[in-house]
Amino acid sequence: MFLSKVHIPWQQAKNSYQYHQALWRLFPGYEDAERDFLFRVEQIQAGVGASVLLQSLLMPEGGDQSPLILAQREFGLNVPKGQRLRFRLRANPIKTIKDSNKGTIEKKGKTFVKTVRVPLLHEEQQRAWLERKLQDFAKLETLIVQPEPMIYFRKSKEGRSGKIQTVLFDGVLTVIDAEVLQVHVAQGIGPAKAFGCGLLSVARV
């Protein structure tokens, strides 16, 4: 995998929905492929742009056009069972509930009430969500939960707008299954990956 530090100019960083579109430009010829990269906005400055950490299976191709690759390295994750790791994860903790107001859908001859995603707003709920996501490969030791402002976005082509609630998790975990850890690092954790959620960054304690 590759880890890159990327600068997205302010004109493309005003709307959170455009981050994902901008980063696709670093993978020419793969615009219609299934996304295989994750990212996290590390800093954003009005009038300047956003600093983004990008993790990808393919090597991004930088050039004179934006966004710009500021630094890049290839890395492999090789950690044993029992290894303690510091981690950072921006996530969108949610639960899915049935909502009869949304109507029903037909599937395999059966009728189901449509579901909606509801954000988990209380810290104890967010911690429990994270523990469930980690339980197959790691044990949570310490955790700092940092609530963040709501992210508002616009889908210009569809003329729709929306919002998601993100949380920044920092802490220490102990690996209980190294192979499953690698899968989750590569695939990401939770929803809203197109909005910069899901990238699990780890480092030895």
C-alpha atoms as a PDB file:
ATOM      1  CA  MET A   1       0.000   0.000   0.000  1.00  0.00           C
ATOM      2  CA  PHE A   2       0.961   3.630  -0.403  1.00  0.00           C
ATOM      3  CA  LEU A   3       0.632   6.483   2.052  1.00  0.00           C
ATOM      4  CA  SER A   4       0.626   9.990   0.596  1.00  0.00           C
ATOM      5  CA  LYS A   5       0.330  13.522   1.921  1.00  0.00           C
ATOM      6  CA  VAL A   6      -1.821  15.497  -0.495  1.00  0.00           C
ATOM      7  CA  HIS A   7      -2.798  19.156  -0.808  1.00  0.00           C
ATOM      8  CA  ILE A   8      -6.249  19.947  -2.196  1.00  0.00           C
ATOM      9  CA  PRO A   9      -6.620  23.622  -3.211  1.00  0.00           C
ATOM     10  CA  TRP A  10      -9.311  25.684  -1.533  1.00  0.00           C
ATOM     11  CA  GLN A  11     -11.548  25.842  -4.617  1.00  0.00           C
ATOM     12  CA  GLN A  12     -11.916  22.046  -4.455  1.00  0.00           C
ATOM     13  CA  ALA A  13     -11.972  21.870  -0.655  1.00  0.00           C
ATOM     14  CA  LYS A  14     -14.978  24.094   0.057  1.00  0.00           C
ATOM     15  CA  ASN A  15     -17.465  21.241  -0.301  1.00  0.00           C
ATOM     16  CA  SER A  16     -16.734  17.963   1.502  1.00  0.00           C
ATOM     17  CA  TYR A  17     -18.318  15.992  -1.350  1.00  0.00           C
ATOM     18  CA  GLN A  18     -15.585  17.237  -3.709  1.00  0.00           C
ATOM     19  CA  TYR A  19     -12.655  15.738  -1.751  1.00  0.00           C
ATOM     20  CA  HIS A  20     -13.333  12.269  -3.067  1.00  0.00           C
ATOM     21  CA  GLN A  21     -13.745  13.532  -6.619  1.00  0.00           C
ATOM     22  CA  ALA A  22     -10.500  15.513  -6.419  1.00  0.00           C
ATOM     23  CA  LEU A  23      -8.505  12.532  -5.153  1.00  0.00           C
ATOM     24  CA  TRP A  24      -9.697  10.366  -8.049  1.00  0.00           C
ATOM     25  CA  ARG A  25      -7.625  12.640 -10.320  1.00  0.00           C
ATOM     26  CA  LEU A  26      -4.502  11.065  -8.799  1.00  0.00           C
ATOM     27  CA  PHE A  27      -5.470   7.738 -10.381  1.00  0.00           C
ATOM     28  CA  PRO A  28      -5.830   8.474 -14.119  1.00  0.00           C
ATOM     29  CA  GLY A  29      -7.471   5.670 -16.043  1.00  0.00           C
ATOM     30  CA  TYR A  30      -9.224   4.308 -12.957  1.00  0.00           C
ATOM     31  CA  GLU A  31     -12.032   6.866 -12.659  1.00  0.00           C
ATOM     32  CA  ASP A  32     -14.713   4.212 -13.188  1.00  0.00           C
ATOM     33  CA  ALA A  33     -13.073   1.560 -11.018  1.00  0.00           C
ATOM     34  CA  GLU A  34     -14.216   0.589  -7.551  1.00  0.00           C
ATOM     35  CA  ARG A  35     -12.653   2.850  -4.929  1.00  0.00           C
ATOM     36  CA  ASP A  36      -9.603   1.298  -3.303  1.00  0.00           C
ATOM     37  CA  PHE A  37      -8.337   4.311  -1.384  1.00  0.00           C
ATOM     38  CA  LEU A  38      -9.082   5.858   2.000  1.00  0.00           C
ATOM     39  CA  PHE A  39      -8.313   9.353   3.200  1.00  0.00           C
ATOM     40  CA  ARG A  40      -8.507  11.637   6.202  1.00  0.00           C
ATOM     41  CA  VAL A  41      -8.453  15.447   6.203  1.00  0.00           C
ATOM     42  CA  GLU A  42      -5.743  16.445   8.655  1.00  0.00           C
ATOM     43  CA  GLN A  43      -6.068  20.214   8.348  1.00  0.00           C
ATOM     44  CA  ILE A  44      -8.118  22.712   6.390  1.00  0.00           C
ATOM     45  CA  GLN A  45      -7.478  26.418   6.028  1.00  0.00           C
ATOM     46  CA  ALA A  46      -9.940  28.808   4.423  1.00  0.00           C
ATOM     47  CA  GLY A  47      -8.541  30.350   1.278  1.00  0.00           C
ATOM     48  CA  VAL A  48      -5.621  27.900   1.162  1.00  0.00           C
ATOM     49  CA  GLY A  49      -6.972  24.371   1.017  1.00  0.00           C
ATOM     50  CA  ALA A  50      -6.873  21.020   2.781  1.00  0.00           C
ATOM     51  CA  SER A  51      -4.025  18.766   3.873  1.00  0.00           C
ATOM     52  CA  VAL A  52      -5.077  15.155   3.346  1.00  0.00           C
ATOM     53  CA  LEU A  53      -3.580  11.795   4.335  1.00  0.00           C
ATOM     54  CA  LEU A  54      -4.277   9.320   1.518  1.00  0.00           C
ATOM     55  CA  GLN A  55      -3.882   5.531   1.738  1.00  0.00           C
ATOM     56  CA  SER A  56      -4.177   3.574  -1.499  1.00  0.00           C
ATOM     57  CA  LEU A  57      -3.437   0.204  -3.062  1.00  0.00           C
ATOM     58  CA  LEU A  58      -2.342   1.906  -6.289  1.00  0.00           C
ATOM     59  CA  MET A  59       0.441   4.460  -6.362  1.00  0.00           C
ATOM     60  CA  PRO A  60      -1.044   7.937  -6.914  1.00  0.00           C
ATOM     61  CA  GLU A  61       0.309   9.864  -9.878  1.00  0.00           C
ATOM     62  CA  GLY A  62       1.067  13.496  -9.157  1.00  0.00           C
ATOM     63  CA  GLY A  63       1.725  16.251 -11.631  1.00  0.00           C
ATOM     64  CA  ASP A  64       1.477  19.987 -12.129  1.00  0.00           C
ATOM     65  CA  GLN A  65      -2.292  19.930 -11.763  1.00  0.00           C
ATOM     66  CA  SER A  66      -4.173  19.742  -8.494  1.00  0.00           C
ATOM     67  CA  PRO A  67      -4.382  18.018  -6.146  1.00  0.00           C
ATOM     68  CA  LEU A  68      -0.676  17.956  -5.346  1.00  0.00           C
ATOM     69  CA  ILE A  69       1.279  15.077  -3.787  1.00  0.00           C
ATOM     70  CA  LEU A  70       3.594  16.567  -1.163  1.00  0.00           C
ATOM     71  CA  ALA A  71       5.108  13.324   0.165  1.00  0.00           C
ATOM     72  CA  GLN A  72       4.718   9.622  -0.471  1.00  0.00           C
ATOM     73  CA  ARG A  73       5.962   6.253   0.750  1.00  0.00           C
ATOM     74  CA  GLU A  74       5.148   2.596   0.299  1.00  0.00           C
ATOM     75  CA  PHE A  75       4.415   0.599   3.429  1.00  0.00           C
ATOM     76  CA  GLY A  76       3.481  -2.869   4.591  1.00  0.00           C
ATOM     77  CA  LEU A  77       1.744  -3.757   7.822  1.00  0.00           C
ATOM     78  CA  ASN A  78       3.636  -6.479   9.658  1.00  0.00           C
ATOM     79  CA  VAL A  79       2.623  -6.658  13.301  1.00  0.00           C
ATOM     80  CA  PRO A  80       2.412  -9.760  15.515  1.00  0.00           C
ATOM     81  CA  LYS A  81      -0.418 -10.842  17.766  1.00  0.00           C
ATOM     82  CA  GLY A  82      -0.122  -9.075  21.115  1.00  0.00           C
ATOM     83  CA  GLN A  83       1.467  -5.944  19.619  1.00  0.00           C
ATOM     84  CA  ARG A  84       0.284  -2.686  21.204  1.00  0.00           C
ATOM     85  CA  LEU A  85      -0.468   0.052  18.681  1.00  0.00           C
ATOM     86  CA  ARG A  86      -1.425   3.692  18.813  1.00  0.00           C
ATOM     87  CA  PHE A  87      -4.264   4.447  16.427  1.00  0.00           C
ATOM     88  CA  ARG A  88      -6.287   7.263  14.935  1.00  0.00           C
ATOM     89  CA  LEU A  89      -9.625   6.904  13.206  1.00  0.00           C
ATOM     90  CA  ARG A  90     -12.130   9.459  11.978  1.00  0.00           C
ATOM     91  CA  ALA A  91     -15.439   7.652  11.823  1.00  0.00           C
ATOM     92  CA  ASN A  92     -19.165   8.121  11.328  1.00  0.00           C
ATOM     93  CA  PRO A  93     -20.709   5.994  14.118  1.00  0.00           C
ATOM     94  CA  ILE A  94     -24.288   5.108  13.219  1.00  0.00           C
ATOM     95  CA  LYS A  95     -27.050   2.612  13.815  1.00  0.00           C
ATOM     96  CA  THR A  96     -29.617   1.446  11.269  1.00  0.00           C
ATOM     97  CA  ILE A  97     -33.302   1.529  12.219  1.00  0.00           C
ATOM     98  CA  LYS A  98     -36.548   0.764  10.436  1.00  0.00           C
ATOM     99  CA  ASP A  99     -38.590   3.802   9.375  1.00  0.00           C
ATOM    100  CA  SER A 100     -42.131   3.132   8.191  1.00  0.00           C
ATOM    101  CA  ASN A 101     -42.348   6.732   6.977  1.00  0.00           C
ATOM    102  CA  LYS A 102     -39.878   5.820   4.217  1.00  0.00           C
ATOM    103  CA  GLY A 103     -42.177   3.131   2.860  1.00  0.00           C
ATOM    104  CA  THR A 104     -41.340  -0.472   1.984  1.00  0.00           C
ATOM    105  CA  ILE A 105     -39.257  -2.436  -0.505  1.00  0.00           C
ATOM    106  CA  GLU A 106     -39.780  -5.816  -2.137  1.00  0.00           C
ATOM    107  CA  LYS A 107     -36.956  -8.355  -1.955  1.00  0.00           C
ATOM    108  CA  LYS A 108     -37.126 -12.027  -2.906  1.00  0.00           C
ATOM    109  CA  GLY A 109     -40.908 -11.957  -2.731  1.00  0.00           C
ATOM    110  CA  LYS A 110     -40.980 -10.435   0.750  1.00  0.00           C
ATOM    111  CA  THR A 111     -41.856  -6.920   1.892  1.00  0.00           C
ATOM    112  CA  PHE A 112     -39.478  -5.028   4.160  1.00  0.00           C
ATOM    113  CA  VAL A 113     -39.779  -1.670   5.877  1.00  0.00           C
ATOM    114  CA  LYS A 114     -37.094   0.706   4.614  1.00  0.00           C
ATOM    115  CA  THR A 115     -34.250   1.576   6.972  1.00  0.00           C
ATOM    116  CA  VAL A 116     -32.413   4.797   7.748  1.00  0.00           C
ATOM    117  CA  ARG A 117     -29.043   5.548   9.312  1.00  0.00           C
ATOM    118  CA  VAL A 118     -29.092   7.421  12.595  1.00  0.00           C
ATOM    119  CA  PRO A 119     -25.920   8.978  14.091  1.00  0.00           C
ATOM    120  CA  LEU A 120     -24.759   7.891  17.549  1.00  0.00           C
ATOM    121  CA  LEU A 121     -24.288  11.135  19.466  1.00  0.00           C
ATOM    122  CA  HIS A 122     -23.394  10.041  22.997  1.00  0.00           C
ATOM    123  CA  GLU A 123     -19.817   9.142  23.866  1.00  0.00           C
ATOM    124  CA  GLU A 124     -20.717   5.809  25.469  1.00  0.00           C
ATOM    125  CA  GLN A 125     -22.595   4.823  22.283  1.00  0.00           C
ATOM    126  CA  GLN A 126     -19.651   5.877  20.122  1.00  0.00           C
ATOM    127  CA  ARG A 127     -17.216   3.892  22.253  1.00  0.00           C
ATOM    128  CA  ALA A 128     -19.441   0.810  22.106  1.00  0.00           C
ATOM    129  CA  TRP A 129     -19.681   1.185  18.310  1.00  0.00           C
ATOM    130  CA  LEU A 130     -15.886   1.300  18.026  1.00  0.00           C
ATOM    131  CA  GLU A 131     -15.417  -1.712  20.305  1.00  0.00           C
ATOM    132  CA  ARG A 132     -17.789  -3.712  18.087  1.00  0.00           C
ATOM    133  CA  LYS A 133     -15.828  -2.717  14.994  1.00  0.00           C
ATOM    134  CA  LEU A 134     -12.511  -3.717  16.589  1.00  0.00           C
ATOM    135  CA  GLN A 135     -13.604  -6.877  18.386  1.00  0.00           C
ATOM    136  CA  ASP A 136     -12.514  -9.324  15.654  1.00  0.00           C
ATOM    137  CA  PHE A 137      -8.914  -8.161  15.586  1.00  0.00           C
ATOM    138  CA  ALA A 138      -8.053  -5.917  18.546  1.00  0.00           C
ATOM    139  CA  LYS A 139      -8.784  -5.099  22.159  1.00  0.00           C
ATOM    140  CA  LEU A 140      -9.260  -1.458  23.039  1.00  0.00           C
ATOM    141  CA  GLU A 141      -6.992  -0.278  25.867  1.00  0.00           C
ATOM    142  CA  THR A 142      -7.306   3.495  25.981  1.00  0.00           C
ATOM    143  CA  LEU A 143      -9.508   5.878  24.048  1.00  0.00           C
ATOM    144  CA  ILE A 144      -9.981   9.611  23.569  1.00  0.00           C
ATOM    145  CA  VAL A 145     -13.189  10.596  21.792  1.00  0.00           C
ATOM    146  CA  GLN A 146     -13.180  13.998  20.115  1.00  0.00           C
ATOM    147  CA  PRO A 147     -16.591  15.155  18.827  1.00  0.00           C
ATOM    148  CA  GLU A 148     -16.416  17.171  15.617  1.00  0.00           C
ATOM    149  CA  PRO A 149     -18.665  19.691  13.869  1.00  0.00           C
ATOM    150  CA  MET A 150     -21.335  18.358  11.539  1.00  0.00           C
ATOM    151  CA  ILE A 151     -20.154  17.949   7.934  1.00  0.00           C
ATOM    152  CA  TYR A 152     -22.539  19.473   5.397  1.00  0.00           C
ATOM    153  CA  PHE A 153     -22.196  18.606   1.721  1.00  0.00           C
ATOM    154  CA  ARG A 154     -23.827  19.158  -1.651  1.00  0.00           C
ATOM    155  CA  LYS A 155     -24.092  16.696  -4.515  1.00  0.00           C
ATOM    156  CA  SER A 156     -24.089  19.223  -7.331  1.00  0.00           C
ATOM    157  CA  LYS A 157     -25.026  16.808 -10.134  1.00  0.00           C
ATOM    158  CA  GLU A 158     -27.996  15.472  -8.191  1.00  0.00           C
ATOM    159  CA  GLY A 159     -28.932  18.809  -6.655  1.00  0.00           C
ATOM    160  CA  ARG A 160     -29.138  17.210  -3.214  1.00  0.00           C
ATOM    161  CA  SER A 161     -27.550  18.124   0.095  1.00  0.00           C
ATOM    162  CA  GLY A 162     -26.879  16.174   3.259  1.00  0.00           C
ATOM    163  CA  LYS A 163     -24.937  15.988   6.476  1.00  0.00           C
ATOM    164  CA  ILE A 164     -22.954  13.461   8.507  1.00  0.00           C
ATOM    165  CA  GLN A 165     -21.662  13.466  12.087  1.00  0.00           C
ATOM    166  CA  THR A 166     -18.025  12.459  12.491  1.00  0.00           C
ATOM    167  CA  VAL A 167     -15.940  11.602  15.538  1.00  0.00           C
ATOM    168  CA  LEU A 168     -12.155  11.439  15.884  1.00  0.00           C
ATOM    169  CA  PHE A 169     -10.926   8.450  17.887  1.00  0.00           C
ATOM    170  CA  ASP A 170      -7.380   8.344  19.297  1.00  0.00           C
ATOM    171  CA  GLY A 171      -6.099   5.591  21.548  1.00  0.00           C
ATOM    172  CA  VAL A 172      -4.139   2.412  22.084  1.00  0.00           C
ATOM    173  CA  LEU A 173      -5.173  -1.110  21.091  1.00  0.00           C
ATOM    174  CA  THR A 174      -3.693  -4.587  21.419  1.00  0.00           C
ATOM    175  CA  VAL A 175      -3.718  -6.826  18.337  1.00  0.00           C
ATOM    176  CA  ILE A 176      -5.494 -10.169  18.764  1.00  0.00           C
ATOM    177  CA  ASP A 177      -5.599 -11.169  15.059  1.00  0.00           C
ATOM    178  CA  ALA A 178      -2.950  -9.621  12.810  1.00  0.00           C
ATOM    179  CA  GLU A 179      -4.437 -10.903   9.528  1.00  0.00           C
ATOM    180  CA  VAL A 180      -7.874  -9.452  10.237  1.00  0.00           C
ATOM    181  CA  LEU A 181      -6.239  -6.178  11.291  1.00  0.00           C
ATOM    182  CA  GLN A 182      -4.562  -5.931   7.886  1.00  0.00           C
ATOM    183  CA  VAL A 183      -7.904  -6.445   6.150  1.00  0.00           C
ATOM    184  CA  HIS A 184      -9.542  -3.642   8.133  1.00  0.00           C
ATOM    185  CA  VAL A 185      -6.621  -1.271   7.597  1.00  0.00           C
ATOM    186  CA  ALA A 186      -6.894  -1.855   3.843  1.00  0.00           C
ATOM    187  CA  GLN A 187     -10.708  -1.721   3.624  1.00  0.00           C
ATOM    188  CA  GLY A 188     -11.440   0.895   6.289  1.00  0.00           C
ATOM    189  CA  ILE A 189     -13.933   0.957   9.140  1.00  0.00           C
ATOM    190  CA  GLY A 190     -17.532   2.126   9.084  1.00  0.00           C
ATOM    191  CA  PRO A 191     -19.526   4.203   6.560  1.00  0.00           C
ATOM    192  CA  ALA A 192     -18.940   7.607   4.908  1.00  0.00           C
ATOM    193  CA  LYS A 193     -15.559   6.696   3.403  1.00  0.00           C
ATOM    194  CA  ALA A 194     -16.230   9.084   0.516  1.00  0.00           C
ATOM    195  CA  PHE A 195     -16.243  11.884   3.110  1.00  0.00           C
ATOM    196  CA  GLY A 196     -12.896  11.037   4.716  1.00  0.00           C
ATOM    197  CA  CYS A 197     -14.000   8.477   7.293  1.00  0.00           C
ATOM    198  CA  GLY A 198     -12.719   4.954   7.874  1.00  0.00           C
ATOM    199  CA  LEU A 199      -8.929   5.312   7.611  1.00  0.00           C
ATOM    200  CA  LEU A 200      -7.383   3.436  10.543  1.00  0.00           C
ATOM    201  CA  SER A 201      -3.845   4.730  11.090  1.00  0.00           C
ATOM    202  CA  VAL A 202      -1.644   2.668  13.417  1.00  0.00           C
ATOM    203  CA  ALA A 203       1.877   2.934  14.833  1.00  0.00           C
ATOM    204  CA  ARG A 204       3.814   0.992  17.431  1.00  0.00           C
ATOM    205  CA  VAL A 205       3.590   2.333  20.956  1.00  0.00           C
END
